[in-house]
Amino acid sequence: MDEPRTGINETEIKQLQKGNILISLTYMPDDVVGVSSKIYIDAPPSKVWETLTNYDNLSKYLPKVLSSELVEREGNEIILDQTGKTGIFIFEKHVQFRLKIEEEYPDKISFKQLDGDFQVYRGEWLLETSNTIQGTILSYKAELKPNFFAPPILVNFVQRQDLPGILKAHKQRAESF
């Protein structure tokens, strides 16, 4: 068995095992919003990895992802085009972006926008394990700032609304294999 890989404390693990999704949002300089979230998935890291890296099919099960297309793959580096929806109610907007993704199997997937509707969009997915759990802790961290007018408080609100659905979709997909 692989050595456990986790920076998560036991209190967080207990919260996650109860089904809670942990979300933290921070305001950073220049109106950038920092996002951090975690979810427990009752599946091994290999299944979670398979779910995260099924790039051409993300739009089939992730809420607000309208299209996702792997454009290029060279080793562990990927270029991915995505179109999605962001916002709330009548303020929903379609966004497009091209991401450069770097995979570090089986622990980490880093991404940053190369082109698109954000001034800042970069982050990572982390897959962590622990001796005290059977499954995987999936963590998402990102920094974002749209190119269009969206005050940080609105970006914060939208992230708090959207992240649980995205994380639950990854959980459901990984646990169904």
C-alpha atoms as a PDB file:
ATOM      1  CA  MET A   1       0.000   0.000   0.000  1.00  0.00           C
ATOM      2  CA  ASP A   2       1.154   3.540  -0.713  1.00  0.00           C
ATOM      3  CA  GLU A   3       2.418   5.697   2.128  1.00  0.00           C
ATOM      4  CA  PRO A   4      -0.267   8.078   3.371  1.00  0.00           C
ATOM      5  CA  ARG A   5      -0.066  11.567   1.907  1.00  0.00           C
ATOM      6  CA  THR A   6      -1.944  14.159   3.873  1.00  0.00           C
ATOM      7  CA  GLY A   7      -1.647  17.603   5.334  1.00  0.00           C
ATOM      8  CA  ILE A   8      -5.108  17.339   6.820  1.00  0.00           C
ATOM      9  CA  ASN A   9      -5.573  17.202  10.564  1.00  0.00           C
ATOM     10  CA  GLU A  10      -7.743  14.652  12.355  1.00  0.00           C
ATOM     11  CA  THR A  11     -10.464  17.220  13.155  1.00  0.00           C
ATOM     12  CA  GLU A  12     -10.853  17.969   9.445  1.00  0.00           C
ATOM     13  CA  ILE A  13     -10.880  14.264   8.605  1.00  0.00           C
ATOM     14  CA  LYS A  14     -13.707  13.655  11.095  1.00  0.00           C
ATOM     15  CA  GLN A  15     -15.720  16.550   9.630  1.00  0.00           C
ATOM     16  CA  LEU A  16     -15.158  15.254   6.102  1.00  0.00           C
ATOM     17  CA  GLN A  17     -16.100  11.685   7.033  1.00  0.00           C
ATOM     18  CA  LYS A  18     -19.424  12.995   8.374  1.00  0.00           C
ATOM     19  CA  GLY A  19     -20.147  14.219   4.845  1.00  0.00           C
ATOM     20  CA  ASN A  20     -19.218  17.861   5.360  1.00  0.00           C
ATOM     21  CA  ILE A  21     -17.556  19.810   2.588  1.00  0.00           C
ATOM     22  CA  LEU A  22     -14.989  22.267   3.923  1.00  0.00           C
ATOM     23  CA  ILE A  23     -14.804  25.582   2.075  1.00  0.00           C
ATOM     24  CA  SER A  24     -12.609  28.555   2.825  1.00  0.00           C
ATOM     25  CA  LEU A  25     -12.574  31.773   0.814  1.00  0.00           C
ATOM     26  CA  THR A  26     -10.140  34.641   1.217  1.00  0.00           C
ATOM     27  CA  TYR A  27      -9.799  38.084  -0.263  1.00  0.00           C
ATOM     28  CA  MET A  28      -6.366  38.659  -1.741  1.00  0.00           C
ATOM     29  CA  PRO A  29      -4.694  41.782  -3.148  1.00  0.00           C
ATOM     30  CA  ASP A  30      -5.964  43.217  -6.463  1.00  0.00           C
ATOM     31  CA  ASP A  31      -9.487  41.754  -6.049  1.00  0.00           C
ATOM     32  CA  VAL A  32      -8.276  38.151  -6.425  1.00  0.00           C
ATOM     33  CA  VAL A  33     -10.355  35.584  -4.516  1.00  0.00           C
ATOM     34  CA  GLY A  34      -8.622  32.583  -2.950  1.00  0.00           C
ATOM     35  CA  VAL A  35     -10.642  29.381  -2.735  1.00  0.00           C
ATOM     36  CA  SER A  36      -9.902  26.227  -0.784  1.00  0.00           C
ATOM     37  CA  SER A  37     -12.232  23.244  -0.410  1.00  0.00           C
ATOM     38  CA  LYS A  38     -12.100  19.594   0.629  1.00  0.00           C
ATOM     39  CA  ILE A  39     -14.339  16.542   0.385  1.00  0.00           C
ATOM     40  CA  TYR A  40     -14.001  12.923   1.509  1.00  0.00           C
ATOM     41  CA  ILE A  41     -14.450  10.340  -1.252  1.00  0.00           C
ATOM     42  CA  ASP A  42     -14.929   6.677  -0.374  1.00  0.00           C
ATOM     43  CA  ALA A  43     -12.700   5.500  -3.218  1.00  0.00           C
ATOM     44  CA  PRO A  44      -8.961   4.994  -3.703  1.00  0.00           C
ATOM     45  CA  PRO A  45      -6.888   7.832  -5.193  1.00  0.00           C
ATOM     46  CA  SER A  46      -6.648   5.972  -8.522  1.00  0.00           C
ATOM     47  CA  LYS A  47     -10.445   6.209  -9.001  1.00  0.00           C
ATOM     48  CA  VAL A  48     -10.519   9.866  -7.983  1.00  0.00           C
ATOM     49  CA  TRP A  49      -7.658  10.527 -10.414  1.00  0.00           C
ATOM     50  CA  GLU A  50      -9.558   8.781 -13.198  1.00  0.00           C
ATOM     51  CA  THR A  51     -12.572  11.002 -12.509  1.00  0.00           C
ATOM     52  CA  LEU A  52     -10.559  14.245 -12.490  1.00  0.00           C
ATOM     53  CA  THR A  53      -8.603  13.430 -15.647  1.00  0.00           C
ATOM     54  CA  ASN A  54     -11.509  12.273 -17.814  1.00  0.00           C
ATOM     55  CA  TYR A  55     -11.200  15.669 -19.493  1.00  0.00           C
ATOM     56  CA  ASP A  56     -13.359  15.108 -22.573  1.00  0.00           C
ATOM     57  CA  ASN A  57     -16.292  13.916 -20.444  1.00  0.00           C
ATOM     58  CA  LEU A  58     -16.303  16.444 -17.576  1.00  0.00           C
ATOM     59  CA  SER A  59     -19.290  18.258 -19.069  1.00  0.00           C
ATOM     60  CA  LYS A  60     -21.359  15.065 -18.801  1.00  0.00           C
ATOM     61  CA  TYR A  61     -21.395  15.078 -14.999  1.00  0.00           C
ATOM     62  CA  LEU A  62     -20.011  18.360 -13.640  1.00  0.00           C
ATOM     63  CA  PRO A  63     -22.571  21.082 -13.020  1.00  0.00           C
ATOM     64  CA  LYS A  64     -22.003  24.310 -14.916  1.00  0.00           C
ATOM     65  CA  VAL A  65     -19.388  22.751 -17.251  1.00  0.00           C
ATOM     66  CA  LEU A  66     -20.897  23.076 -20.738  1.00  0.00           C
ATOM     67  CA  SER A  67     -17.979  21.656 -22.716  1.00  0.00           C
ATOM     68  CA  SER A  68     -14.537  20.283 -21.997  1.00  0.00           C
ATOM     69  CA  GLU A  69     -12.062  19.265 -24.680  1.00  0.00           C
ATOM     70  CA  LEU A  70      -8.535  17.947 -24.380  1.00  0.00           C
ATOM     71  CA  VAL A  71      -6.705  19.887 -27.091  1.00  0.00           C
ATOM     72  CA  GLU A  72      -3.178  18.578 -26.642  1.00  0.00           C
ATOM     73  CA  ARG A  73      -1.275  16.132 -24.456  1.00  0.00           C
ATOM     74  CA  GLU A  74       2.488  15.934 -24.186  1.00  0.00           C
ATOM     75  CA  GLY A  75       3.518  13.606 -21.378  1.00  0.00           C
ATOM     76  CA  ASN A  76       2.059  14.959 -18.148  1.00  0.00           C
ATOM     77  CA  GLU A  77       1.183  18.360 -19.660  1.00  0.00           C
ATOM     78  CA  ILE A  78      -2.257  18.983 -21.119  1.00  0.00           C
ATOM     79  CA  ILE A  79      -3.965  21.855 -22.883  1.00  0.00           C
ATOM     80  CA  LEU A  80      -7.696  21.869 -22.125  1.00  0.00           C
ATOM     81  CA  ASP A  81     -10.473  24.086 -23.496  1.00  0.00           C
ATOM     82  CA  GLN A  82     -13.554  24.529 -21.318  1.00  0.00           C
ATOM     83  CA  THR A  83     -16.779  26.475 -21.474  1.00  0.00           C
ATOM     84  CA  GLY A  84     -18.935  26.880 -18.409  1.00  0.00           C
ATOM     85  CA  LYS A  85     -21.504  28.981 -16.620  1.00  0.00           C
ATOM     86  CA  THR A  86     -20.826  31.198 -13.663  1.00  0.00           C
ATOM     87  CA  GLY A  87     -22.920  33.557 -11.629  1.00  0.00           C
ATOM     88  CA  ILE A  88     -26.348  33.352 -10.073  1.00  0.00           C
ATOM     89  CA  PHE A  89     -29.935  33.705 -11.229  1.00  0.00           C
ATOM     90  CA  ILE A  90     -30.275  36.266 -14.018  1.00  0.00           C
ATOM     91  CA  PHE A  91     -26.621  37.226 -13.592  1.00  0.00           C
ATOM     92  CA  GLU A  92     -25.355  33.941 -15.034  1.00  0.00           C
ATOM     93  CA  LYS A  93     -22.633  34.307 -17.656  1.00  0.00           C
ATOM     94  CA  HIS A  94     -20.923  31.876 -20.019  1.00  0.00           C
ATOM     95  CA  VAL A  95     -17.146  31.763 -19.592  1.00  0.00           C
ATOM     96  CA  GLN A  96     -14.452  30.209 -21.729  1.00  0.00           C
ATOM     97  CA  PHE A  97     -10.874  29.431 -20.936  1.00  0.00           C
ATOM     98  CA  ARG A  98      -7.881  27.459 -22.105  1.00  0.00           C
ATOM     99  CA  LEU A  99      -5.963  25.774 -19.301  1.00  0.00           C
ATOM    100  CA  LYS A 100      -2.475  24.403 -19.106  1.00  0.00           C
ATOM    101  CA  ILE A 101      -2.634  21.382 -16.815  1.00  0.00           C
ATOM    102  CA  GLU A 102       0.278  19.545 -15.259  1.00  0.00           C
ATOM    103  CA  GLU A 103      -0.396  16.105 -13.817  1.00  0.00           C
ATOM    104  CA  GLU A 104       1.730  14.653 -11.001  1.00  0.00           C
ATOM    105  CA  TYR A 105       0.241  11.180 -10.594  1.00  0.00           C
ATOM    106  CA  PRO A 106      -1.148  10.193  -8.111  1.00  0.00           C
ATOM    107  CA  ASP A 107      -1.087  13.314  -5.917  1.00  0.00           C
ATOM    108  CA  LYS A 108      -1.651  16.555  -7.764  1.00  0.00           C
ATOM    109  CA  ILE A 109      -3.124  18.235 -10.817  1.00  0.00           C
ATOM    110  CA  SER A 110      -2.073  21.874 -11.277  1.00  0.00           C
ATOM    111  CA  PHE A 111      -3.741  24.260 -13.707  1.00  0.00           C
ATOM    112  CA  LYS A 112      -3.456  27.830 -14.930  1.00  0.00           C
ATOM    113  CA  GLN A 113      -5.360  29.767 -17.519  1.00  0.00           C
ATOM    114  CA  LEU A 114      -3.488  30.472 -20.748  1.00  0.00           C
ATOM    115  CA  ASP A 115      -6.347  32.397 -22.353  1.00  0.00           C
ATOM    116  CA  GLY A 116      -9.932  33.180 -21.459  1.00  0.00           C
ATOM    117  CA  ASP A 117     -12.385  35.138 -19.387  1.00  0.00           C
ATOM    118  CA  PHE A 118     -10.305  35.472 -16.211  1.00  0.00           C
ATOM    119  CA  GLN A 119      -7.450  37.800 -15.353  1.00  0.00           C
ATOM    120  CA  VAL A 120      -6.338  35.221 -12.802  1.00  0.00           C
ATOM    121  CA  TYR A 121      -7.330  31.553 -12.779  1.00  0.00           C
ATOM    122  CA  ARG A 122      -4.852  29.074 -11.385  1.00  0.00           C
ATOM    123  CA  GLY A 123      -4.909  26.314  -8.846  1.00  0.00           C
ATOM    124  CA  GLU A 124      -4.614  22.639  -8.090  1.00  0.00           C
ATOM    125  CA  TRP A 125      -6.408  19.470  -7.141  1.00  0.00           C
ATOM    126  CA  LEU A 126      -4.737  17.414  -4.391  1.00  0.00           C
ATOM    127  CA  LEU A 127      -5.498  13.771  -3.633  1.00  0.00           C
ATOM    128  CA  GLU A 128      -4.583  12.853  -0.080  1.00  0.00           C
ATOM    129  CA  THR A 129      -4.770   9.728   2.050  1.00  0.00           C
ATOM    130  CA  SER A 130      -4.323   8.987   5.733  1.00  0.00           C
ATOM    131  CA  ASN A 131      -3.802   5.982   7.987  1.00  0.00           C
ATOM    132  CA  THR A 132      -7.116   6.783   9.679  1.00  0.00           C
ATOM    133  CA  ILE A 133      -9.330   6.578   6.566  1.00  0.00           C
ATOM    134  CA  GLN A 134      -9.901   4.158   3.692  1.00  0.00           C
ATOM    135  CA  GLY A 135     -10.737   6.654   0.972  1.00  0.00           C
ATOM    136  CA  THR A 136      -9.304   9.851  -0.454  1.00  0.00           C
ATOM    137  CA  ILE A 137      -9.492  13.486   0.610  1.00  0.00           C
ATOM    138  CA  LEU A 138      -9.898  15.593  -2.520  1.00  0.00           C
ATOM    139  CA  SER A 139      -8.739  19.189  -2.069  1.00  0.00           C
ATOM    140  CA  TYR A 140      -9.227  22.052  -4.483  1.00  0.00           C
ATOM    141  CA  LYS A 141      -7.298  25.295  -4.214  1.00  0.00           C
ATOM    142  CA  ALA A 142      -7.545  28.183  -6.645  1.00  0.00           C
ATOM    143  CA  GLU A 143      -7.029  31.891  -7.113  1.00  0.00           C
ATOM    144  CA  LEU A 144      -9.380  33.690  -9.460  1.00  0.00           C
ATOM    145  CA  LYS A 145     -10.346  37.059 -10.766  1.00  0.00           C
ATOM    146  CA  PRO A 146     -12.730  37.467 -13.732  1.00  0.00           C
ATOM    147  CA  ASN A 147     -11.974  39.745 -16.691  1.00  0.00           C
ATOM    148  CA  PHE A 148     -15.569  40.977 -16.509  1.00  0.00           C
ATOM    149  CA  PHE A 149     -17.047  43.105 -13.762  1.00  0.00           C
ATOM    150  CA  ALA A 150     -17.685  40.947 -10.704  1.00  0.00           C
ATOM    151  CA  PRO A 151     -16.922  42.369  -7.269  1.00  0.00           C
ATOM    152  CA  PRO A 152     -14.912  39.985  -5.048  1.00  0.00           C
ATOM    153  CA  ILE A 153     -17.894  39.579  -2.719  1.00  0.00           C
ATOM    154  CA  LEU A 154     -19.960  38.246  -5.650  1.00  0.00           C
ATOM    155  CA  VAL A 155     -17.133  35.944  -6.790  1.00  0.00           C
ATOM    156  CA  ASN A 156     -16.911  34.683  -3.205  1.00  0.00           C
ATOM    157  CA  PHE A 157     -20.672  34.047  -3.076  1.00  0.00           C
ATOM    158  CA  VAL A 158     -20.713  32.218  -6.423  1.00  0.00           C
ATOM    159  CA  GLN A 159     -17.782  30.001  -5.396  1.00  0.00           C
ATOM    160  CA  ARG A 160     -19.485  29.134  -2.108  1.00  0.00           C
ATOM    161  CA  GLN A 161     -22.616  28.168  -4.090  1.00  0.00           C
ATOM    162  CA  ASP A 162     -20.907  26.244  -6.921  1.00  0.00           C
ATOM    163  CA  LEU A 163     -18.111  24.327  -5.200  1.00  0.00           C
ATOM    164  CA  PRO A 164     -20.259  21.850  -3.253  1.00  0.00           C
ATOM    165  CA  GLY A 165     -21.966  20.700  -6.465  1.00  0.00           C
ATOM    166  CA  ILE A 166     -18.664  20.262  -8.283  1.00  0.00           C
ATOM    167  CA  LEU A 167     -17.082  18.341  -5.412  1.00  0.00           C
ATOM    168  CA  LYS A 168     -20.167  16.156  -4.915  1.00  0.00           C
ATOM    169  CA  ALA A 169     -20.199  15.330  -8.638  1.00  0.00           C
ATOM    170  CA  HIS A 170     -16.561  14.190  -8.487  1.00  0.00           C
ATOM    171  CA  LYS A 171     -17.366  12.171  -5.349  1.00  0.00           C
ATOM    172  CA  GLN A 172     -20.386  10.481  -6.892  1.00  0.00           C
ATOM    173  CA  ARG A 173     -18.478   9.660 -10.086  1.00  0.00           C
ATOM    174  CA  ALA A 174     -15.408   8.238  -8.291  1.00  0.00           C
ATOM    175  CA  GLU A 175     -17.517   6.184  -5.876  1.00  0.00           C
ATOM    176  CA  SER A 176     -19.585   4.693  -8.722  1.00  0.00           C
ATOM    177  CA  PHE A 177     -16.673   2.889 -10.424  1.00  0.00           C
END
